[in-house]
Amino acid sequence: MARKPNHRLLLLSLLLLCQAPVCSSGPLPLILNTWPFRNAAVAAWRTLASGGSALDAVESGCAACEQEQCDGTVGFGGSPDESGETTLDAMIMDGTTMNVGAVGDLRRIKNAIGVARKVLEHTTHTLLAGESATKFAESMGFINEDLSTNASCALHSDWLAWNCQPNYWRNVIPDASKYCGPYKPPSILKRDGSTYKETGDSYGHDTIGMVVIHKMGNIAAGTSTNGIKFKIPGRIGDSPIPGSGAYADDTAGAAAATGDGDILMRFLPSYQAVEYMRRGEDPTTACRKVISRIQKYFPNFFGAVVCANVTGSYGAACNKLSTFTQFHFMVYNPLKSEPTEEKVDCI
């Protein structure tokens, strides 16, 4: 039987190897989440304070955002797809066991992170999607209910009135930049050379990504989102993909990403950031390297990453755009009497 890693010995070794300030340690436990979602950090901290695990804290923190519909981009009633329906993506990962539970394109179930936790605990699978994920959730006791609200219905109506702009189609007829669908591919695709289309108003707060390091060194990470507005039905972004939306490993650290999931998921930024930290990079440098790697291919992508290593040191980085020059995130550890909003200048 494989022996479990000695987290205290590992922590001591890292502290001896790292030289301040590049790898300075921070106090544990640590709560780190994308965007200024304060109540999510508070919910996670209270869970730890009451004796909960890192995994419990991630679930409660993300669930708080789902209930509050953080910025309209997490939970029910936001980001309707082309058909007007709100669907959810979520993931939770245990850095001790490397087990993951995730759901994508989840329909009519509000507590997506809770369903993801059930996938982790009660199946040997990693990701369930669509109607089948909904049926699984119902079997686990979750309530099937409409996720639409007056606000999401109004968003969809306005979008239709504006000829379905913006949308995420290309190389189709009719011209997706001017008309609504249904769309079909032309007999011969006329390639315009573009690989990424910005929609102008898509920048803003979105996915909650959360990293929790327990005082005993156990690490967990998770995400929850309702995706991008007016997505093509069936679209699943980076959030429920292990290594993309988030990643956790007790032997190295954890990371979570936020932004344009269709771009981010092609680079597994959270996994890559953790691997950089495993090689000895401090969290800030690890995050910046991940962003720089994506910039080479998509200089105008919208995205950010938060990183934390096993010592409690943390950092973040984002891609600079004309409308997005700073990234704000939350930190909560024993040095702080309450969650603190921090920010980083984009590169």
Protein backbone atom coordinates (compact mmCIF):
# COMPACT_ATOMS: atom_id res chain seq x y z
CA MET A 1 0.00 0.00 0.00
CA ALA A 2 1.32 3.43 -0.95
CA ARG A 3 2.32 5.57 2.00
CA LYS A 4 0.58 8.93 2.41
CA PRO A 5 2.83 11.97 2.10
CA ASN A 6 4.02 13.55 5.34
CA HIS A 7 2.68 17.07 4.88
CA ARG A 8 4.55 18.54 7.83
CA LEU A 9 7.85 17.13 6.58
CA LEU A 10 7.11 18.44 3.10
CA LEU A 11 6.28 21.87 4.46
CA LEU A 12 9.52 21.97 6.45
CA SER A 13 11.53 20.94 3.40
CA LEU A 14 9.98 23.66 1.27
CA LEU A 15 10.65 26.29 3.89
CA LEU A 16 14.31 25.25 3.99
CA LEU A 17 14.63 25.26 0.22
CA CYS A 18 12.82 28.55 -0.46
CA GLN A 19 14.56 31.84 0.00
CA ALA A 20 12.59 34.94 1.04
CA PRO A 21 10.97 36.90 -0.40
CA VAL A 22 10.54 34.69 -3.46
CA CYS A 23 9.02 31.80 -1.52
CA SER A 24 8.09 33.37 1.81
CA SER A 25 5.56 31.38 3.77
CA GLY A 26 2.18 32.61 4.88
CA PRO A 27 -0.04 31.54 7.76
CA LEU A 28 -2.49 28.67 7.43
CA PRO A 29 -5.31 28.06 6.90
CA LEU A 30 -5.73 30.05 3.70
CA ILE A 31 -8.81 30.95 1.68
CA LEU A 32 -8.21 32.39 -1.78
CA ASN A 33 -10.90 33.12 -4.36
CA THR A 34 -11.26 34.94 -7.65
CA TRP A 35 -13.05 38.32 -7.72
CA PRO A 36 -14.21 40.30 -4.64
CA PHE A 37 -16.77 37.67 -3.60
CA ARG A 38 -16.41 38.40 0.11
CA ASN A 39 -19.29 36.29 1.43
CA ALA A 40 -17.90 33.24 -0.33
CA ALA A 41 -14.63 33.61 1.57
CA VAL A 42 -16.54 34.12 4.83
CA ALA A 43 -18.61 30.97 4.26
CA ALA A 44 -15.49 28.92 3.55
CA TRP A 45 -13.72 30.31 6.63
CA ARG A 46 -16.66 29.55 8.90
CA THR A 47 -16.68 25.98 7.63
CA LEU A 48 -13.02 25.57 8.54
CA ALA A 49 -13.57 27.23 11.93
CA SER A 50 -16.33 24.75 12.72
CA GLY A 51 -14.05 21.80 12.01
CA GLY A 52 -14.80 21.24 8.34
CA SER A 53 -12.28 19.97 5.82
CA ALA A 54 -10.71 21.93 2.97
CA LEU A 55 -13.14 20.18 0.63
CA ASP A 56 -16.09 21.21 2.82
CA ALA A 57 -14.87 24.81 2.80
CA VAL A 58 -14.61 24.94 -1.00
CA GLU A 59 -18.11 23.55 -1.33
CA SER A 60 -19.64 25.99 1.15
CA GLY A 61 -17.77 28.95 -0.33
CA CYS A 62 -18.85 28.25 -3.90
CA ALA A 63 -22.40 27.42 -2.74
CA ALA A 64 -22.63 30.84 -1.08
CA CYS A 65 -21.90 32.46 -4.44
CA GLU A 66 -24.47 30.25 -6.16
CA GLN A 67 -27.12 31.32 -3.68
CA GLU A 68 -26.22 35.00 -3.99
CA GLN A 69 -25.94 34.80 -7.79
CA CYS A 70 -22.55 36.54 -7.58
CA ASP A 71 -22.45 39.24 -10.26
CA GLY A 72 -25.06 37.32 -12.22
CA THR A 73 -22.38 34.96 -13.51
CA VAL A 74 -22.56 32.30 -10.78
CA GLY A 75 -25.69 30.32 -9.98
CA PHE A 76 -29.23 30.51 -11.30
CA GLY A 77 -30.85 33.38 -13.18
CA GLY A 78 -27.85 34.61 -15.15
CA SER A 79 -26.02 34.15 -18.46
CA PRO A 80 -28.85 32.63 -20.52
CA ASP A 81 -27.77 30.60 -23.53
CA GLU A 82 -29.13 31.12 -27.05
CA SER A 83 -32.35 29.37 -26.15
CA GLY A 84 -32.78 31.52 -23.01
CA GLU A 85 -31.90 28.78 -20.51
CA THR A 86 -29.37 29.14 -17.68
CA THR A 87 -27.12 26.10 -17.28
CA LEU A 88 -24.34 25.56 -14.74
CA ASP A 89 -20.78 24.21 -14.60
CA ALA A 90 -18.92 23.33 -11.40
CA MET A 91 -15.99 21.30 -10.13
CA ILE A 92 -14.43 20.34 -6.81
CA MET A 93 -11.03 18.67 -6.34
CA ASP A 94 -9.40 17.01 -3.34
CA GLY A 95 -5.64 17.61 -3.41
CA THR A 96 -4.99 14.81 -0.94
CA THR A 97 -6.60 11.98 -2.91
CA MET A 98 -6.60 13.69 -6.35
CA ASN A 99 -10.27 12.81 -6.64
CA VAL A 100 -12.49 15.16 -8.65
CA GLY A 101 -16.22 15.63 -9.08
CA ALA A 102 -17.62 17.89 -11.79
CA VAL A 103 -20.76 18.76 -13.72
CA GLY A 104 -21.14 20.57 -17.01
CA ASP A 105 -24.22 21.96 -18.76
CA LEU A 106 -26.19 21.10 -15.62
CA ARG A 107 -29.85 21.99 -16.11
CA ARG A 108 -32.59 22.90 -13.60
CA ILE A 109 -30.48 22.25 -10.48
CA LYS A 110 -29.36 25.30 -8.47
CA ASN A 111 -26.60 23.83 -6.30
CA ALA A 112 -24.05 22.86 -8.95
CA ILE A 113 -21.07 22.62 -6.59
CA GLY A 114 -23.12 20.34 -4.34
CA VAL A 115 -23.84 18.02 -7.26
CA ALA A 116 -20.15 18.04 -8.18
CA ARG A 117 -19.34 16.96 -4.61
CA LYS A 118 -21.77 14.05 -4.97
CA VAL A 119 -20.06 12.99 -8.20
CA LEU A 120 -16.78 12.93 -6.30
CA GLU A 121 -18.16 11.00 -3.33
CA HIS A 122 -20.59 8.57 -4.91
CA THR A 123 -19.18 7.70 -8.34
CA THR A 124 -15.87 6.65 -9.86
CA HIS A 125 -16.42 9.19 -12.65
CA THR A 126 -15.00 12.69 -12.87
CA LEU A 127 -17.49 14.66 -14.98
CA LEU A 128 -21.21 14.30 -15.71
CA ALA A 129 -22.98 16.58 -18.19
CA GLY A 130 -26.35 17.75 -19.49
CA GLU A 131 -29.63 16.00 -18.80
CA SER A 132 -27.81 12.97 -17.46
CA ALA A 133 -26.16 15.15 -14.82
CA THR A 134 -29.60 16.48 -13.90
CA LYS A 135 -30.97 12.94 -13.50
CA PHE A 136 -27.98 12.07 -11.31
CA ALA A 137 -28.62 15.16 -9.18
CA GLU A 138 -32.25 14.20 -8.72
CA SER A 139 -31.19 10.72 -7.60
CA MET A 140 -28.97 12.42 -5.00
CA GLY A 141 -31.92 14.37 -3.62
CA PHE A 142 -31.50 17.73 -5.37
CA ILE A 143 -34.65 19.59 -6.44
CA ASN A 144 -35.42 20.06 -10.14
CA GLU A 145 -36.47 23.71 -10.64
CA ASP A 146 -36.40 26.44 -13.26
CA LEU A 147 -33.16 28.43 -13.17
CA SER A 148 -34.57 31.36 -15.16
CA THR A 149 -35.47 34.70 -13.56
CA ASN A 150 -37.09 37.87 -14.85
CA ALA A 151 -33.60 39.31 -15.28
CA SER A 152 -32.29 36.41 -17.37
CA CYS A 153 -35.45 36.40 -19.51
CA ALA A 154 -35.05 40.14 -20.14
CA LEU A 155 -31.43 39.64 -21.14
CA HIS A 156 -32.45 37.01 -23.65
CA SER A 157 -35.27 39.13 -25.09
CA ASP A 158 -32.94 42.08 -25.57
CA TRP A 159 -30.39 39.84 -27.25
CA LEU A 160 -32.96 38.57 -29.74
CA ALA A 161 -34.05 42.14 -30.44
CA TRP A 162 -30.43 43.01 -31.29
CA ASN A 163 -30.27 40.28 -33.96
CA CYS A 164 -28.60 37.84 -31.59
CA GLN A 165 -25.50 39.99 -31.04
CA PRO A 166 -23.01 39.05 -29.72
CA ASN A 167 -22.84 35.32 -30.45
CA TYR A 168 -20.20 32.63 -30.77
CA TRP A 169 -20.67 31.37 -34.33
CA ARG A 170 -18.27 31.74 -37.26
CA ASN A 171 -18.02 30.51 -40.85
CA VAL A 172 -21.77 29.92 -41.11
CA ILE A 173 -24.78 31.15 -43.07
CA PRO A 174 -26.63 33.39 -42.54
CA ASP A 175 -23.95 35.87 -41.49
CA ALA A 176 -23.78 35.45 -37.71
CA SER A 177 -22.45 39.01 -37.27
CA LYS A 178 -25.74 40.40 -38.57
CA TYR A 179 -28.50 37.83 -38.17
CA CYS A 180 -29.95 35.24 -35.83
CA GLY A 181 -29.84 31.55 -36.70
CA PRO A 182 -30.43 28.75 -37.21
CA TYR A 183 -27.01 28.57 -38.80
CA LYS A 184 -25.53 26.11 -41.26
CA PRO A 185 -22.01 25.73 -42.67
CA PRO A 186 -21.61 26.92 -46.28
CA SER A 187 -20.69 24.27 -48.82
CA ILE A 188 -17.15 25.67 -48.91
CA LEU A 189 -15.93 27.38 -45.78
CA LYS A 190 -14.47 30.79 -46.39
CA ARG A 191 -11.79 31.05 -43.76
CA ASP A 192 -11.25 34.53 -42.43
CA GLY A 193 -8.09 33.65 -40.54
CA SER A 194 -9.54 34.67 -37.18
CA THR A 195 -9.18 32.33 -34.25
CA TYR A 196 -10.82 34.40 -31.58
CA LYS A 197 -13.64 36.93 -31.60
CA GLU A 198 -13.98 39.43 -28.77
CA THR A 199 -17.52 40.43 -27.94
CA GLY A 200 -16.66 43.73 -26.31
CA ASP A 201 -19.08 43.56 -23.42
CA SER A 202 -17.99 40.13 -22.23
CA TYR A 203 -15.36 41.43 -19.83
CA GLY A 204 -16.29 41.44 -16.19
CA HIS A 205 -16.62 39.25 -13.16
CA ASP A 206 -17.49 35.65 -13.81
CA THR A 207 -16.54 32.23 -12.45
CA ILE A 208 -15.77 31.88 -8.78
CA GLY A 209 -12.60 29.84 -8.41
CA MET A 210 -11.60 28.96 -4.85
CA VAL A 211 -8.49 27.52 -3.23
CA VAL A 212 -8.48 26.33 0.39
CA ILE A 213 -5.47 25.13 2.35
CA HIS A 214 -6.33 23.55 5.70
CA LYS A 215 -4.12 24.24 8.73
CA MET A 216 -2.98 20.60 8.47
CA GLY A 217 -1.83 21.11 4.88
CA ASN A 218 -4.72 19.46 3.04
CA ILE A 219 -5.61 21.37 -0.12
CA ALA A 220 -8.81 21.61 -2.15
CA ALA A 221 -10.00 23.74 -5.04
CA GLY A 222 -13.25 24.31 -6.89
CA THR A 223 -15.26 26.42 -9.30
CA SER A 224 -18.84 27.35 -10.08
CA THR A 225 -20.28 29.38 -12.96
CA ASN A 226 -23.24 29.78 -15.29
CA GLY A 227 -20.87 30.35 -18.18
CA ILE A 228 -20.96 33.09 -20.79
CA LYS A 229 -24.07 34.95 -21.91
CA PHE A 230 -25.75 33.66 -25.07
CA LYS A 231 -23.48 30.62 -25.40
CA ILE A 232 -24.41 27.95 -27.92
CA PRO A 233 -26.55 25.38 -26.04
CA GLY A 234 -24.41 22.48 -24.89
CA ARG A 235 -21.27 24.59 -24.46
CA ILE A 236 -19.10 23.65 -21.48
CA GLY A 237 -16.30 25.99 -20.48
CA ASP A 238 -13.10 25.53 -18.52
CA SER A 239 -14.65 25.59 -15.05
CA PRO A 240 -15.52 21.88 -14.69
CA ILE A 241 -12.35 20.65 -16.39
CA PRO A 242 -9.68 19.48 -13.89
CA GLY A 243 -6.46 21.37 -14.45
CA SER A 244 -8.24 24.08 -16.36
CA GLY A 245 -10.80 25.74 -14.08
CA ALA A 246 -8.95 24.65 -10.95
CA TYR A 247 -6.39 22.14 -9.70
CA ALA A 248 -5.14 21.06 -6.28
CA ASP A 249 -2.27 18.88 -5.11
CA ASP A 250 -1.18 18.62 -1.47
CA THR A 251 2.43 18.17 -2.58
CA ALA A 252 2.66 21.42 -4.54
CA GLY A 253 -0.28 23.81 -4.15
CA ALA A 254 -3.42 24.86 -5.98
CA ALA A 255 -4.67 27.31 -8.58
CA ALA A 256 -7.92 28.52 -10.11
CA ALA A 257 -8.59 30.36 -13.36
CA THR A 258 -11.28 32.78 -14.48
CA GLY A 259 -12.13 34.41 -17.80
CA ASP A 260 -12.70 33.17 -21.33
CA GLY A 261 -13.10 29.47 -20.72
CA ASP A 262 -12.95 28.53 -24.40
CA ILE A 263 -9.42 29.89 -24.54
CA LEU A 264 -8.27 28.96 -21.03
CA MET A 265 -9.21 25.29 -21.30
CA ARG A 266 -6.82 24.82 -24.21
CA PHE A 267 -3.84 25.51 -21.93
CA LEU A 268 -4.79 23.81 -18.62
CA PRO A 269 -3.64 26.95 -16.77
CA SER A 270 -4.42 25.75 -13.23
CA TYR A 271 -2.49 22.51 -13.70
CA GLN A 272 0.38 24.35 -15.32
CA ALA A 273 0.56 26.88 -12.49
CA VAL A 274 0.73 24.09 -9.91
CA GLU A 275 3.50 22.41 -11.86
CA TYR A 276 5.47 25.66 -11.96
CA MET A 277 5.14 25.88 -8.18
CA ARG A 278 6.21 22.25 -7.84
CA ARG A 279 9.43 23.21 -9.63
CA GLY A 280 10.06 25.93 -7.06
CA GLU A 281 8.48 29.00 -8.64
CA ASP A 282 6.73 31.34 -6.22
CA PRO A 283 2.95 31.66 -6.77
CA THR A 284 3.06 35.08 -8.41
CA THR A 285 5.69 33.97 -10.90
CA ALA A 286 3.76 30.75 -11.59
CA CYS A 287 0.60 32.73 -12.34
CA ARG A 288 2.44 35.19 -14.57
CA LYS A 289 4.11 32.41 -16.54
CA VAL A 290 0.72 30.83 -17.22
CA ILE A 291 -0.73 34.11 -18.50
CA SER A 292 2.34 34.77 -20.66
CA ARG A 293 2.07 31.33 -22.22
CA ILE A 294 -1.50 31.98 -23.37
CA GLN A 295 -0.65 35.51 -24.56
CA LYS A 296 1.66 34.09 -27.21
CA TYR A 297 -1.33 32.62 -29.02
CA PHE A 298 -4.20 34.86 -27.89
CA PRO A 299 -2.85 38.28 -26.91
CA ASN A 300 -6.36 39.69 -26.44
CA PHE A 301 -7.83 36.93 -24.29
CA PHE A 302 -9.68 37.81 -21.10
CA GLY A 303 -8.43 35.87 -18.10
CA ALA A 304 -6.72 35.67 -14.72
CA VAL A 305 -5.26 33.03 -12.40
CA VAL A 306 -4.82 32.80 -8.62
CA CYS A 307 -2.16 30.51 -7.14
CA ALA A 308 -1.15 29.30 -3.68
CA ASN A 309 1.64 26.97 -2.61
CA VAL A 310 1.83 24.60 0.34
CA THR A 311 3.46 27.20 2.59
CA GLY A 312 0.48 29.57 2.34
CA SER A 313 2.18 31.99 -0.03
CA TYR A 314 -0.17 33.19 -2.79
CA GLY A 315 -0.25 35.31 -5.93
CA ALA A 316 -2.28 36.20 -9.01
CA ALA A 317 -1.88 37.43 -12.58
CA CYS A 318 -4.10 38.63 -15.42
CA ASN A 319 -3.91 39.55 -19.09
CA LYS A 320 -4.02 43.28 -19.72
CA LEU A 321 -6.73 44.66 -21.97
CA SER A 322 -7.94 48.21 -22.58
CA THR A 323 -11.01 47.48 -20.46
CA PHE A 324 -9.34 45.16 -17.96
CA THR A 325 -6.15 46.40 -16.31
CA GLN A 326 -6.45 45.07 -12.75
CA PHE A 327 -7.70 41.82 -11.27
CA HIS A 328 -9.30 41.79 -7.81
CA PHE A 329 -9.42 38.70 -5.59
CA MET A 330 -10.11 37.73 -1.96
CA VAL A 331 -7.67 36.46 0.67
CA TYR A 332 -8.47 35.21 4.16
CA ASN A 333 -5.88 33.81 6.57
CA PRO A 334 -5.08 34.06 10.32
CA LEU A 335 -3.31 37.40 9.84
CA LYS A 336 -6.57 38.98 8.71
CA SER A 337 -9.56 39.63 10.94
CA GLU A 338 -11.80 39.45 7.87
CA PRO A 339 -11.47 38.69 4.15
CA THR A 340 -9.26 41.19 2.37
CA GLU A 341 -9.75 42.30 -1.22
CA GLU A 342 -6.42 42.44 -3.02
CA LYS A 343 -5.56 43.43 -6.57
CA VAL A 344 -2.86 42.87 -9.11
CA ASP A 345 -1.94 44.88 -12.21
CA CYS A 346 -2.38 42.90 -15.41
CA ILE A 347 0.60 42.11 -17.62
